[in-house]
Amino acid sequence: MRFDERYIEELKARLRPSDVIGRSVKLKRQGREYVGLSPFTKEKSPSFFVNDDKGFFHDFSSGKHGDIISFLQETERLSFVEAVARLATEAGMALPAEDPMAAEREEKRKGLSEWMDLAQKWFAANLRRQTGKAARAYLEKRGLPEDQWERFGLGYAPNDREGLKTALVQRGARPGDLVEAGLLIAPEGGGAPYDRFRDRLMFPILDGRGRLVSFGGRAMNPDDRAKYLNGPESPLFHKGATLYGLPEARRLLGAESRSDQPIVVVEGYMDVIACQRADVPAVAPMGTALTEEQMAGLWRVSSEPVLCFDGDAAGRRAAYRAVERALPLIKPDRSLQFVSLPGGMDPDDMYREKGGPHLREALRQTTPLSRMVFEKEADAVGPLDTPEKEAALLARLRKCAAAITDPDLARAYKDFLVGAFFQNVRPSKAQMRDAHKAIYRDRKARKAAPIMDVTPEARAAAVTLGQAPKPLTAAVLDGLIAHPDVVQERAELLTSQAFGDPGLDRLVADLVRITSEVEAYGEGLLRARLRALGHDEALRRIDRTAKISHAPFLDAAASARKAQEDLTRAIDVLLEAMALSRALDELKQGDDYDAGTFSNLKSQRDGLNRALASGEIWASTAVH
């Protein structure tokens, strides 16, 4: 169920936060506010405040902040809809009727799904007809027997421009709906739509709930320009969030997916099928690098997914791209492992030539993410034949560790990577001993450092009177509010970051939550909702600073598509800038200071800042 902004505001206007929250937290009036012990942490001195006039609560001990809806979500583990329904009953408000537009969209989706199901049956039937002879021969050559075709829903699209179109139109389909579902192509210059998939072995693509959302097709003609072809983005299919083979992989993991069991990510449809035939839970991305959404989906079923790439240069590059994308997202309870099969084989080759047990054993010979980070950076620098290259590698390793947002994990990675550097580059015993002393000295110093006792009043002043954010940070946050679709695409990454300002961190957390709960928020309503949650001051600080950023995605004249592309790139640039700053701070504060590494990192940061200040970064794709 979806709720519009007016309904939410009316609901909150009818209920006083102190009444709702006061049922579970003992509150005492203190001036114009109420104060009590935090419901989120164990504390002896009250630091939990409720303000009826402003309609929000703030907990200094945990940093949590929000309205009565988010309070119920946090304390009673309710969904947004459940919390609203609970409060609506208390306020004497009827729940709104189902959104006609949402109901219409769902009905549309169901209609498209029906045509997808019929298309799959048509493809499957063709595989067994005379027209599918070549596809059957290909499957026999690949060692996939007929009794497995139905398990994986395989089919064949004949070399006919209107074969599927005719079959479905005869069943009542409209060509426009089939174009929207991705089954037909509408010519740009006009004319009748025609079949997207022709002379291809067909693989049905299911979403996480087991619903058919698209197809992938393998060309039977070796001269075809595209060996593999996936369906386009559609109301059913979001390429960046879908993993081929996920429902079957979950079944292999067990009736209840367990996060301590690995799921394996491979490169192609036939590799997934080979692994699953060997009882290995495997999935594949849609022919592209793993996205943050796909990684989040993997971590929901396995704490350390295993990424299996080909052992060639292309496979190595794919593994390194996954390393870059994963570093800002990893936490102590979620990481990655990597494996490269021997002899340049892929899982399908190994299964056919050596069998399931051999494949399962080979997939257990993994390399941890930390080691892959070191190998990636060492490959990038090349032979360490000069002191400058050694300093460059140390700087790159520190920057990688600083990209990790969990502070304890970032320090552990820094310790490992710097230690690996000395073990691999300078293996003398004396140097190794000195390196290990330096690595652990700063850790002991941190533990011995006194903890400052900060009063709730001082913390409140620090939050309210926060410094102006840096222009790039302000521009990105302004851009996210203007383009909420990007918020959901990068939600996993955004929620893992710390922006160096508690007010901005809370704003981002609420922005991600709001855009996931309410559909089709315009910028005006989104800003109103954020102000209602107590972010008025943060919004003012962002707006003031964003104006001097030269960011093109804030130009009202820019197209929505171009603005979203530039905003996505700006997020990556911001992550790089934050990682460089953290790496420099870590180096300055630690006892393993190295002048060459510091100079290298500072040079990178200064170059990035110059490009940002001049606007050069927006005119070039050189900086990412």
Foldseek 3Di string as FASTA:
>chain_A
DFDDLVLVVVLLVLDFQCVLCCVPFPWDDDPQKIWTDDPVDDDDDILWIGHRVLAKIAHPVVLDIFHQQVVCCVNVVDASVVSSVVSCVVSVHDDDDPDPVVVVLVVLVVVLLVLLVVLLVVQAVQCPDPQNPLVVVVCVVLVNDPVCCVVQSKGFAAQFFCPSVVVVVVVPDDQVSCVQLQQWDADPVGDDITGPDHQWIKTFFAALVRGGRWIKTAHSDPPDPDRIDIGDDHSRDDQQQGWGQNNLLQVLCHPDQDQADAEEEEADDLLCVLQVVLSGSYTYGPNDAHAPNNLVVRNVRYQEYEYEFFPDPVRLVSVVVNLVRCLQQHDPRHFYKYAYAPPRDGNSVCCVPPNSVVSVVRSVPIHGSLVSQLVVLDVVLDDPPDVLSLLSSLLSQLLSLLLHAPVVSSLVSNLVNQLVSCCPPPVDPVSSVVSNCQSCVLVVVVVPDDDDDDDSVRVVCCQLVPDQAAQLVLQLVVLCLQPVVVCQSCVSSLLSHDRPHSLVNNLSVVSSSVPVRHDDDHSVSSVVSSVSRPNPSVNVSSVVRNVQQLQPLVDPPDDPVVSSVSSVVSVVLVSSLSSLVSSLVVLVSGRVHDVSNNVSSVVVNVVSVVCRNVVVVVVDPPGD
